[in-house]
Amino acid sequence: MPTKITQISWRRIALVSSLIGATALLSGCNAMKRLSEVGEPPKLSSIDNPTQSEAYRPVSLPMPAPQVAERNPNSLWRAGARSFFKDQRANQVGDILTVVVEMEDRAALANTTVRSRTNSEDLAVPNLFGLEAEMTKVLPESIDPTSMLDFDSNTSNRGAGTLDRNEAIDLRVAAIVIQVLPNGNYVIHGRQEIRVNSEIREVQIAGVIRAADISSANEVNYDKIAEARISYGGRGTISDVQQPRYGSEVLDIILPF
C-alpha cells in the first residue's frame, strides 16, 4: 500500500510539473518581450487592416431575400438620403463613422438558500425462517436480529449571495466599415490606443449596425449595435502591478483546496 500511494503522489507531482512547464513555455515569449522593453514605455500597436488578422472571421448571419431597389428618376430625393446633396454617412467598406458609448448600468441581486433534510432507517430481522440463529456463525460477533441496522443522517445547507454592480462608461470611438452584408447591414470595427506616460489605454469595438441607425452626424449609439463587442482595458506598468503573476494563476487553477 505505501508503494502504491508513493506512485500516485509521484504521478501528481509529474502532472503539476508538466502544467507549470507548459505555462512557462506559453508565457516565455511574452516574458522575453517584456524584458526587452524594460525602461521603455509600452509600444503602440501598428495600424493594420483588421480583416488581415489571423483571428478575423467574416460575419455570416441569416439574410432575407434580396429586394429590388426602386428608382425615381424625376424625384429630388434619393432612396435613403437625408439631404439634397451627397449623403455623408458611412455606406461602404472603408468608410468611417463614430460610435457613441454612453453606458450606465446598475444591477443588484440578493439570493438566500436554506436546505435541511433528516433521514432515519432501521432494519430488524427477528424471524427469517429460523435462520436468524445461524447469523452468529457467519458474523464474527453475536448480534441481536431485532436491531440489525440503524442509519441516521442529517443534512443542512445554507447559502447566501449578494451582487451589487454599478458601471458607467462615456466615450466616443471612430470605427471603420469592414464588411457590407447582403441585406445592407454594416460590420464595423474600431480600435483606439492612448498612451499616458508608461500606460496604454486601449478601446476596441465591433459589431453589426443598420444603415438606418446612422444619424445625420454620421454617428451610431452603442445600443444600436448587434453582436456588440466592446473592450476597454490597458497595458503597461500599472496594469502589470494589478495583474497577478502567472504562477499564482496556475496554482489557483490546479490546487484543489
C-alpha atoms as a PDB file:
ATOM      1  CA  MET A   1       0.000   0.000   0.000  1.00  0.00           C
ATOM      2  CA  PRO A   2       2.748   2.624   0.767  1.00  0.00           C
ATOM      3  CA  THR A   3       4.370   1.867  -2.607  1.00  0.00           C
ATOM      4  CA  LYS A   4       1.069   2.430  -4.423  1.00  0.00           C
ATOM      5  CA  ILE A   5       0.458   5.713  -2.584  1.00  0.00           C
ATOM      6  CA  THR A   6       4.012   6.822  -3.408  1.00  0.00           C
ATOM      7  CA  GLN A   7       3.440   6.079  -7.092  1.00  0.00           C
ATOM      8  CA  ILE A   8       0.218   8.131  -7.103  1.00  0.00           C
ATOM      9  CA  SER A   9       1.987  11.006  -5.355  1.00  0.00           C
ATOM     10  CA  TRP A  10       4.798  10.990  -7.915  1.00  0.00           C
ATOM     11  CA  ARG A  11       2.267  10.965 -10.734  1.00  0.00           C
ATOM     12  CA  ARG A  12       0.545  14.019  -9.281  1.00  0.00           C
ATOM     13  CA  ILE A  13       3.874  15.796  -8.894  1.00  0.00           C
ATOM     14  CA  ALA A  14       4.759  14.971 -12.503  1.00  0.00           C
ATOM     15  CA  LEU A  15       1.362  16.252 -13.686  1.00  0.00           C
ATOM     16  CA  VAL A  16       1.739  19.517 -11.772  1.00  0.00           C
ATOM     17  CA  SER A  17       5.284  19.937 -13.091  1.00  0.00           C
ATOM     18  CA  SER A  18       4.079  19.398 -16.660  1.00  0.00           C
ATOM     19  CA  LEU A  19       1.337  22.004 -16.247  1.00  0.00           C
ATOM     20  CA  ILE A  20       3.778  24.537 -14.796  1.00  0.00           C
ATOM     21  CA  GLY A  21       6.291  23.803 -17.558  1.00  0.00           C
ATOM     22  CA  ALA A  22       3.665  24.238 -20.284  1.00  0.00           C
ATOM     23  CA  THR A  23       2.537  27.510 -18.762  1.00  0.00           C
ATOM     24  CA  ALA A  24       6.115  28.738 -18.582  1.00  0.00           C
ATOM     25  CA  LEU A  25       6.646  27.911 -22.262  1.00  0.00           C
ATOM     26  CA  LEU A  26       3.447  29.685 -23.288  1.00  0.00           C
ATOM     27  CA  SER A  27       4.310  32.795 -21.312  1.00  0.00           C
ATOM     28  CA  GLY A  28       8.008  32.691 -22.190  1.00  0.00           C
ATOM     29  CA  CYS A  29       7.640  34.721 -25.376  1.00  0.00           C
ATOM     30  CA  ASN A  30       5.620  37.381 -23.586  1.00  0.00           C
ATOM     31  CA  ALA A  31       8.111  37.448 -20.706  1.00  0.00           C
ATOM     32  CA  MET A  32      11.061  37.903 -23.087  1.00  0.00           C
ATOM     33  CA  LYS A  33       9.225  40.676 -24.891  1.00  0.00           C
ATOM     34  CA  ARG A  34       8.525  42.472 -21.630  1.00  0.00           C
ATOM     35  CA  LEU A  35      12.142  42.052 -20.534  1.00  0.00           C
ATOM     36  CA  SER A  36      13.308  43.631 -23.791  1.00  0.00           C
ATOM     37  CA  GLU A  37      11.144  46.671 -23.045  1.00  0.00           C
ATOM     38  CA  VAL A  38      12.416  47.282 -19.512  1.00  0.00           C
ATOM     39  CA  GLY A  39      12.933  51.004 -19.002  1.00  0.00           C
ATOM     40  CA  GLU A  40      10.862  51.912 -22.043  1.00  0.00           C
ATOM     41  CA  PRO A  41       7.153  52.758 -22.327  1.00  0.00           C
ATOM     42  CA  PRO A  42       4.940  50.103 -23.952  1.00  0.00           C
ATOM     43  CA  LYS A  43       4.872  50.389 -27.730  1.00  0.00           C
ATOM     44  CA  LEU A  44       1.708  51.272 -29.579  1.00  0.00           C
ATOM     45  CA  SER A  45       0.292  48.688 -31.945  1.00  0.00           C
ATOM     46  CA  SER A  46       0.753  49.231 -35.646  1.00  0.00           C
ATOM     47  CA  ILE A  47      -2.209  50.317 -37.760  1.00  0.00           C
ATOM     48  CA  ASP A  48      -3.252  47.172 -39.597  1.00  0.00           C
ATOM     49  CA  ASN A  49      -6.182  46.003 -41.652  1.00  0.00           C
ATOM     50  CA  PRO A  50      -8.389  44.090 -39.167  1.00  0.00           C
ATOM     51  CA  THR A  51      -9.552  41.762 -41.937  1.00  0.00           C
ATOM     52  CA  GLN A  52      -5.941  40.569 -42.371  1.00  0.00           C
ATOM     53  CA  SER A  53      -5.682  39.400 -38.769  1.00  0.00           C
ATOM     54  CA  GLU A  54      -5.400  35.645 -38.164  1.00  0.00           C
ATOM     55  CA  ALA A  55      -8.278  35.853 -35.690  1.00  0.00           C
ATOM     56  CA  TYR A  56     -10.578  37.637 -38.154  1.00  0.00           C
ATOM     57  CA  ARG A  57     -13.567  35.719 -39.417  1.00  0.00           C
ATOM     58  CA  PRO A  58     -16.135  37.228 -41.834  1.00  0.00           C
ATOM     59  CA  VAL A  59     -19.539  37.651 -40.225  1.00  0.00           C
ATOM     60  CA  SER A  60     -22.212  35.324 -41.583  1.00  0.00           C
ATOM     61  CA  LEU A  61     -25.786  35.910 -40.434  1.00  0.00           C
ATOM     62  CA  PRO A  62     -29.207  34.797 -41.742  1.00  0.00           C
ATOM     63  CA  MET A  63     -30.076  37.081 -44.648  1.00  0.00           C
ATOM     64  CA  PRO A  64     -33.529  37.976 -46.041  1.00  0.00           C
ATOM     65  CA  ALA A  65     -34.373  37.666 -49.712  1.00  0.00           C
ATOM     66  CA  PRO A  66     -32.803  40.447 -51.835  1.00  0.00           C
ATOM     67  CA  GLN A  67     -35.081  43.354 -52.711  1.00  0.00           C
ATOM     68  CA  VAL A  68     -35.082  45.263 -55.972  1.00  0.00           C
ATOM     69  CA  ALA A  69     -34.272  48.945 -55.461  1.00  0.00           C
ATOM     70  CA  GLU A  70     -36.925  51.399 -56.630  1.00  0.00           C
ATOM     71  CA  ARG A  71     -35.618  54.245 -58.759  1.00  0.00           C
ATOM     72  CA  ASN A  72     -37.408  57.580 -59.130  1.00  0.00           C
ATOM     73  CA  PRO A  73     -35.654  59.478 -61.934  1.00  0.00           C
ATOM     74  CA  ASN A  74     -37.854  62.568 -61.550  1.00  0.00           C
ATOM     75  CA  SER A  75     -37.564  62.809 -57.777  1.00  0.00           C
ATOM     76  CA  LEU A  76     -35.286  65.281 -55.962  1.00  0.00           C
ATOM     77  CA  TRP A  77     -34.750  62.729 -53.201  1.00  0.00           C
ATOM     78  CA  ARG A  78     -32.665  59.596 -53.407  1.00  0.00           C
ATOM     79  CA  ALA A  79     -33.775  56.442 -51.618  1.00  0.00           C
ATOM     80  CA  GLY A  80     -32.459  56.574 -48.050  1.00  0.00           C
ATOM     81  CA  ALA A  81     -30.880  60.049 -48.448  1.00  0.00           C
ATOM     82  CA  ARG A  82     -31.481  62.776 -45.880  1.00  0.00           C
ATOM     83  CA  SER A  83     -30.433  65.811 -47.907  1.00  0.00           C
ATOM     84  CA  PHE A  84     -30.330  67.176 -51.456  1.00  0.00           C
ATOM     85  CA  PHE A  85     -26.586  66.674 -51.569  1.00  0.00           C
ATOM     86  CA  LYS A  86     -24.493  63.536 -51.381  1.00  0.00           C
ATOM     87  CA  ASP A  87     -25.113  61.512 -48.250  1.00  0.00           C
ATOM     88  CA  GLN A  88     -22.076  61.863 -45.972  1.00  0.00           C
ATOM     89  CA  ARG A  89     -22.946  58.897 -43.834  1.00  0.00           C
ATOM     90  CA  ALA A  90     -20.829  55.746 -43.964  1.00  0.00           C
ATOM     91  CA  ASN A  91     -22.198  53.389 -46.589  1.00  0.00           C
ATOM     92  CA  GLN A  92     -19.354  51.275 -47.972  1.00  0.00           C
ATOM     93  CA  VAL A  93     -16.256  49.367 -46.915  1.00  0.00           C
ATOM     94  CA  GLY A  94     -13.571  51.711 -45.648  1.00  0.00           C
ATOM     95  CA  ASP A  95     -15.940  54.491 -44.573  1.00  0.00           C
ATOM     96  CA  ILE A  96     -15.603  55.882 -41.049  1.00  0.00           C
ATOM     97  CA  LEU A  97     -18.340  56.561 -38.507  1.00  0.00           C
ATOM     98  CA  THR A  98     -18.406  57.460 -34.828  1.00  0.00           C
ATOM     99  CA  VAL A  99     -19.676  55.072 -32.170  1.00  0.00           C
ATOM    100  CA  VAL A 100     -21.097  56.781 -29.085  1.00  0.00           C
ATOM    101  CA  VAL A 101     -20.895  54.697 -25.910  1.00  0.00           C
ATOM    102  CA  GLU A 102     -22.874  56.204 -23.035  1.00  0.00           C
ATOM    103  CA  MET A 103     -23.463  53.304 -20.699  1.00  0.00           C
ATOM    104  CA  GLU A 104     -24.725  53.475 -17.138  1.00  0.00           C
ATOM    105  CA  ASP A 105     -25.691  50.039 -15.872  1.00  0.00           C
ATOM    106  CA  ARG A 106     -26.648  49.048 -12.359  1.00  0.00           C
ATOM    107  CA  ALA A 107     -27.584  45.608 -11.079  1.00  0.00           C
ATOM    108  CA  ALA A 108     -28.377  44.449  -7.548  1.00  0.00           C
ATOM    109  CA  LEU A 109     -29.111  40.812  -6.716  1.00  0.00           C
ATOM    110  CA  ALA A 110     -29.563  39.069  -3.370  1.00  0.00           C
ATOM    111  CA  ASN A 111     -30.171  35.337  -3.012  1.00  0.00           C
ATOM    112  CA  THR A 112     -30.599  33.175   0.088  1.00  0.00           C
ATOM    113  CA  THR A 113     -30.961  29.403   0.057  1.00  0.00           C
ATOM    114  CA  VAL A 114     -31.765  27.186   3.040  1.00  0.00           C
ATOM    115  CA  ARG A 115     -31.981  23.422   2.799  1.00  0.00           C
ATOM    116  CA  SER A 116     -32.406  20.878   5.588  1.00  0.00           C
ATOM    117  CA  ARG A 117     -33.008  17.123   5.486  1.00  0.00           C
ATOM    118  CA  THR A 118     -33.147  14.401   8.170  1.00  0.00           C
ATOM    119  CA  ASN A 119     -33.225  10.659   7.430  1.00  0.00           C
ATOM    120  CA  SER A 120     -33.564   7.656   9.718  1.00  0.00           C
ATOM    121  CA  GLU A 121     -33.590   3.985   8.686  1.00  0.00           C
ATOM    122  CA  ASP A 122     -33.917   0.895  10.895  1.00  0.00           C
ATOM    123  CA  LEU A 123     -33.616  -2.760   9.853  1.00  0.00           C
ATOM    124  CA  ALA A 124     -34.559  -5.735  12.041  1.00  0.00           C
ATOM    125  CA  VAL A 125     -34.785  -9.456  11.223  1.00  0.00           C
ATOM    126  CA  PRO A 126     -36.390 -11.126  14.244  1.00  0.00           C
ATOM    127  CA  ASN A 127     -37.564 -14.114  12.170  1.00  0.00           C
ATOM    128  CA  LEU A 128     -36.012 -15.420   8.957  1.00  0.00           C
ATOM    129  CA  PHE A 129     -37.280 -18.969   8.505  1.00  0.00           C
ATOM    130  CA  GLY A 130     -35.396 -19.928  11.646  1.00  0.00           C
ATOM    131  CA  LEU A 131     -32.065 -18.897  10.058  1.00  0.00           C
ATOM    132  CA  GLU A 132     -31.595 -15.860  12.262  1.00  0.00           C
ATOM    133  CA  ALA A 133     -29.782 -18.025  14.780  1.00  0.00           C
ATOM    134  CA  GLU A 134     -27.269 -19.070  12.106  1.00  0.00           C
ATOM    135  CA  MET A 135     -26.099 -15.476  11.656  1.00  0.00           C
ATOM    136  CA  THR A 136     -23.880 -15.791  14.695  1.00  0.00           C
ATOM    137  CA  LYS A 137     -21.863 -18.435  12.845  1.00  0.00           C
ATOM    138  CA  VAL A 138     -21.246 -16.171   9.878  1.00  0.00           C
ATOM    139  CA  LEU A 139     -20.623 -12.844  11.646  1.00  0.00           C
ATOM    140  CA  PRO A 140     -17.593 -12.540  13.949  1.00  0.00           C
ATOM    141  CA  GLU A 141     -19.644 -11.399  16.940  1.00  0.00           C
ATOM    142  CA  SER A 142     -23.030 -12.257  18.303  1.00  0.00           C
ATOM    143  CA  ILE A 143     -25.756  -9.895  17.114  1.00  0.00           C
ATOM    144  CA  ASP A 144     -29.332  -9.159  18.002  1.00  0.00           C
ATOM    145  CA  PRO A 145     -31.592  -9.905  14.984  1.00  0.00           C
ATOM    146  CA  THR A 146     -34.123  -7.330  16.233  1.00  0.00           C
ATOM    147  CA  SER A 147     -31.630  -4.497  15.721  1.00  0.00           C
ATOM    148  CA  MET A 148     -29.613  -5.422  12.659  1.00  0.00           C
ATOM    149  CA  LEU A 149     -29.038  -1.993  11.118  1.00  0.00           C
ATOM    150  CA  ASP A 150     -29.690   1.573  12.185  1.00  0.00           C
ATOM    151  CA  PHE A 151     -28.960   4.523   9.861  1.00  0.00           C
ATOM    152  CA  ASP A 152     -29.295   8.167  10.807  1.00  0.00           C
ATOM    153  CA  SER A 153     -28.340  11.157   8.633  1.00  0.00           C
ATOM    154  CA  ASN A 154     -28.820  14.875   8.991  1.00  0.00           C
ATOM    155  CA  THR A 155     -28.007  17.374   6.213  1.00  0.00           C
ATOM    156  CA  SER A 156     -28.258  21.127   6.439  1.00  0.00           C
ATOM    157  CA  ASN A 157     -27.150  23.660   3.821  1.00  0.00           C
ATOM    158  CA  ARG A 158     -27.362  27.412   3.943  1.00  0.00           C
ATOM    159  CA  GLY A 159     -26.170  29.765   1.218  1.00  0.00           C
ATOM    160  CA  ALA A 160     -26.335  33.485   0.700  1.00  0.00           C
ATOM    161  CA  GLY A 161     -25.087  35.630  -2.176  1.00  0.00           C
ATOM    162  CA  THR A 162     -25.173  39.339  -2.899  1.00  0.00           C
ATOM    163  CA  LEU A 163     -24.262  41.167  -6.104  1.00  0.00           C
ATOM    164  CA  ASP A 164     -24.130  44.948  -6.356  1.00  0.00           C
ATOM    165  CA  ARG A 165     -22.684  46.325  -9.587  1.00  0.00           C
ATOM    166  CA  ASN A 166     -22.551  49.886 -10.850  1.00  0.00           C
ATOM    167  CA  GLU A 167     -20.819  50.657 -14.159  1.00  0.00           C
ATOM    168  CA  ALA A 168     -20.587  53.885 -16.132  1.00  0.00           C
ATOM    169  CA  ILE A 169     -18.759  54.403 -19.444  1.00  0.00           C
ATOM    170  CA  ASP A 170     -18.829  57.552 -21.557  1.00  0.00           C
ATOM    171  CA  LEU A 171     -16.657  57.582 -24.680  1.00  0.00           C
ATOM    172  CA  ARG A 172     -16.674  58.045 -28.443  1.00  0.00           C
ATOM    173  CA  VAL A 173     -14.725  55.818 -30.824  1.00  0.00           C
ATOM    174  CA  ALA A 174     -14.261  56.067 -34.572  1.00  0.00           C
ATOM    175  CA  ALA A 175     -14.908  52.780 -36.364  1.00  0.00           C
ATOM    176  CA  ILE A 176     -14.430  51.554 -39.928  1.00  0.00           C
ATOM    177  CA  VAL A 177     -16.928  49.661 -42.054  1.00  0.00           C
ATOM    178  CA  ILE A 178     -15.102  46.427 -42.872  1.00  0.00           C
ATOM    179  CA  GLN A 179     -17.925  44.464 -44.468  1.00  0.00           C
ATOM    180  CA  VAL A 180     -21.309  45.132 -46.085  1.00  0.00           C
ATOM    181  CA  LEU A 181     -23.735  42.255 -45.613  1.00  0.00           C
ATOM    182  CA  PRO A 182     -26.146  41.193 -48.390  1.00  0.00           C
ATOM    183  CA  ASN A 183     -29.107  42.800 -46.584  1.00  0.00           C
ATOM    184  CA  GLY A 184     -27.342  46.165 -46.336  1.00  0.00           C
ATOM    185  CA  ASN A 185     -26.153  45.958 -42.731  1.00  0.00           C
ATOM    186  CA  TYR A 186     -22.595  47.023 -41.924  1.00  0.00           C
ATOM    187  CA  VAL A 187     -19.952  45.179 -39.945  1.00  0.00           C
ATOM    188  CA  ILE A 188     -17.831  47.743 -38.109  1.00  0.00           C
ATOM    189  CA  HIS A 189     -14.566  47.553 -36.216  1.00  0.00           C
ATOM    190  CA  GLY A 190     -12.758  50.285 -34.326  1.00  0.00           C
ATOM    191  CA  ARG A 191      -9.706  50.483 -32.079  1.00  0.00           C
ATOM    192  CA  GLN A 192      -8.184  53.367 -30.185  1.00  0.00           C
ATOM    193  CA  GLU A 193      -4.947  53.471 -28.199  1.00  0.00           C
ATOM    194  CA  ILE A 194      -3.858  56.305 -25.909  1.00  0.00           C
ATOM    195  CA  ARG A 195      -0.520  56.293 -24.113  1.00  0.00           C
ATOM    196  CA  VAL A 196      -0.082  58.341 -20.953  1.00  0.00           C
ATOM    197  CA  ASN A 197       3.447  58.040 -19.534  1.00  0.00           C
ATOM    198  CA  SER A 198       4.022  54.262 -19.376  1.00  0.00           C
ATOM    199  CA  GLU A 199       0.412  53.128 -19.547  1.00  0.00           C
ATOM    200  CA  ILE A 200      -1.643  52.455 -22.666  1.00  0.00           C
ATOM    201  CA  ARG A 201      -5.421  52.598 -22.586  1.00  0.00           C
ATOM    202  CA  GLU A 202      -6.975  50.548 -25.359  1.00  0.00           C
ATOM    203  CA  VAL A 203     -10.569  50.673 -26.577  1.00  0.00           C
ATOM    204  CA  GLN A 204     -11.966  48.187 -29.074  1.00  0.00           C
ATOM    205  CA  ILE A 205     -15.452  47.974 -30.509  1.00  0.00           C
ATOM    206  CA  ALA A 206     -17.030  45.710 -33.128  1.00  0.00           C
ATOM    207  CA  GLY A 207     -20.482  44.624 -34.219  1.00  0.00           C
ATOM    208  CA  VAL A 208     -23.225  44.874 -36.829  1.00  0.00           C
ATOM    209  CA  ILE A 209     -25.316  48.006 -37.440  1.00  0.00           C
ATOM    210  CA  ARG A 210     -28.156  49.084 -39.717  1.00  0.00           C
ATOM    211  CA  ALA A 211     -27.676  51.888 -42.183  1.00  0.00           C
ATOM    212  CA  ALA A 212     -30.890  53.488 -40.901  1.00  0.00           C
ATOM    213  CA  ASP A 213     -29.437  53.763 -37.373  1.00  0.00           C
ATOM    214  CA  ILE A 214     -26.610  56.049 -38.504  1.00  0.00           C
ATOM    215  CA  SER A 215     -27.553  59.625 -37.672  1.00  0.00           C
ATOM    216  CA  SER A 216     -27.112  62.614 -39.969  1.00  0.00           C
ATOM    217  CA  ALA A 217     -23.946  63.416 -37.966  1.00  0.00           C
ATOM    218  CA  ASN A 218     -22.545  60.023 -39.039  1.00  0.00           C
ATOM    219  CA  GLU A 219     -22.867  58.610 -35.516  1.00  0.00           C
ATOM    220  CA  VAL A 220     -24.416  55.467 -34.087  1.00  0.00           C
ATOM    221  CA  ASN A 221     -25.219  54.664 -30.458  1.00  0.00           C
ATOM    222  CA  TYR A 222     -23.798  51.513 -28.907  1.00  0.00           C
ATOM    223  CA  ASP A 223     -27.268  50.150 -28.112  1.00  0.00           C
ATOM    224  CA  LYS A 224     -27.976  50.024 -31.863  1.00  0.00           C
ATOM    225  CA  ILE A 225     -25.086  47.614 -32.442  1.00  0.00           C
ATOM    226  CA  ALA A 226     -25.985  43.946 -32.783  1.00  0.00           C
ATOM    227  CA  GLU A 227     -23.462  41.371 -31.561  1.00  0.00           C
ATOM    228  CA  ALA A 228     -21.607  44.276 -29.947  1.00  0.00           C
ATOM    229  CA  ARG A 229     -18.129  43.598 -28.584  1.00  0.00           C
ATOM    230  CA  ILE A 230     -16.807  46.497 -26.511  1.00  0.00           C
ATOM    231  CA  SER A 231     -13.473  46.246 -24.711  1.00  0.00           C
ATOM    232  CA  TYR A 232     -11.885  48.904 -22.519  1.00  0.00           C
ATOM    233  CA  GLY A 233      -8.596  47.989 -20.870  1.00  0.00           C
ATOM    234  CA  GLY A 234      -4.959  48.833 -20.573  1.00  0.00           C
ATOM    235  CA  ARG A 235      -1.413  47.577 -20.576  1.00  0.00           C
ATOM    236  CA  GLY A 236       1.742  48.958 -19.072  1.00  0.00           C
ATOM    237  CA  THR A 237       3.355  49.405 -15.670  1.00  0.00           C
ATOM    238  CA  ILE A 238       0.115  49.988 -13.744  1.00  0.00           C
ATOM    239  CA  SER A 239      -1.653  47.044 -15.387  1.00  0.00           C
ATOM    240  CA  ASP A 240       1.356  44.815 -14.605  1.00  0.00           C
ATOM    241  CA  VAL A 241       1.058  45.636 -10.914  1.00  0.00           C
ATOM    242  CA  GLN A 242      -2.674  44.893 -10.912  1.00  0.00           C
ATOM    243  CA  GLN A 243      -2.271  41.641 -12.839  1.00  0.00           C
ATOM    244  CA  PRO A 244      -1.467  38.567 -10.692  1.00  0.00           C
ATOM    245  CA  ARG A 245       1.621  36.569 -11.657  1.00  0.00           C
ATOM    246  CA  TYR A 246       1.002  33.636 -13.984  1.00  0.00           C
ATOM    247  CA  GLY A 247       2.427  31.278 -11.352  1.00  0.00           C
ATOM    248  CA  SER A 248      -0.266  32.363  -8.916  1.00  0.00           C
ATOM    249  CA  GLU A 249      -2.945  31.918 -11.592  1.00  0.00           C
ATOM    250  CA  VAL A 250      -1.714  28.376 -12.311  1.00  0.00           C
ATOM    251  CA  LEU A 251      -1.756  27.474  -8.630  1.00  0.00           C
ATOM    252  CA  ASP A 252      -5.260  28.916  -8.240  1.00  0.00           C
ATOM    253  CA  ILE A 253      -6.436  26.641 -11.045  1.00  0.00           C
ATOM    254  CA  ILE A 254      -4.753  23.364 -10.129  1.00  0.00           C
ATOM    255  CA  LEU A 255      -4.798  23.452  -6.312  1.00  0.00           C
ATOM    256  CA  PRO A 256      -7.849  21.561  -5.004  1.00  0.00           C
ATOM    257  CA  PHE A 257      -8.045  23.467  -1.702  1.00  0.00           C
END
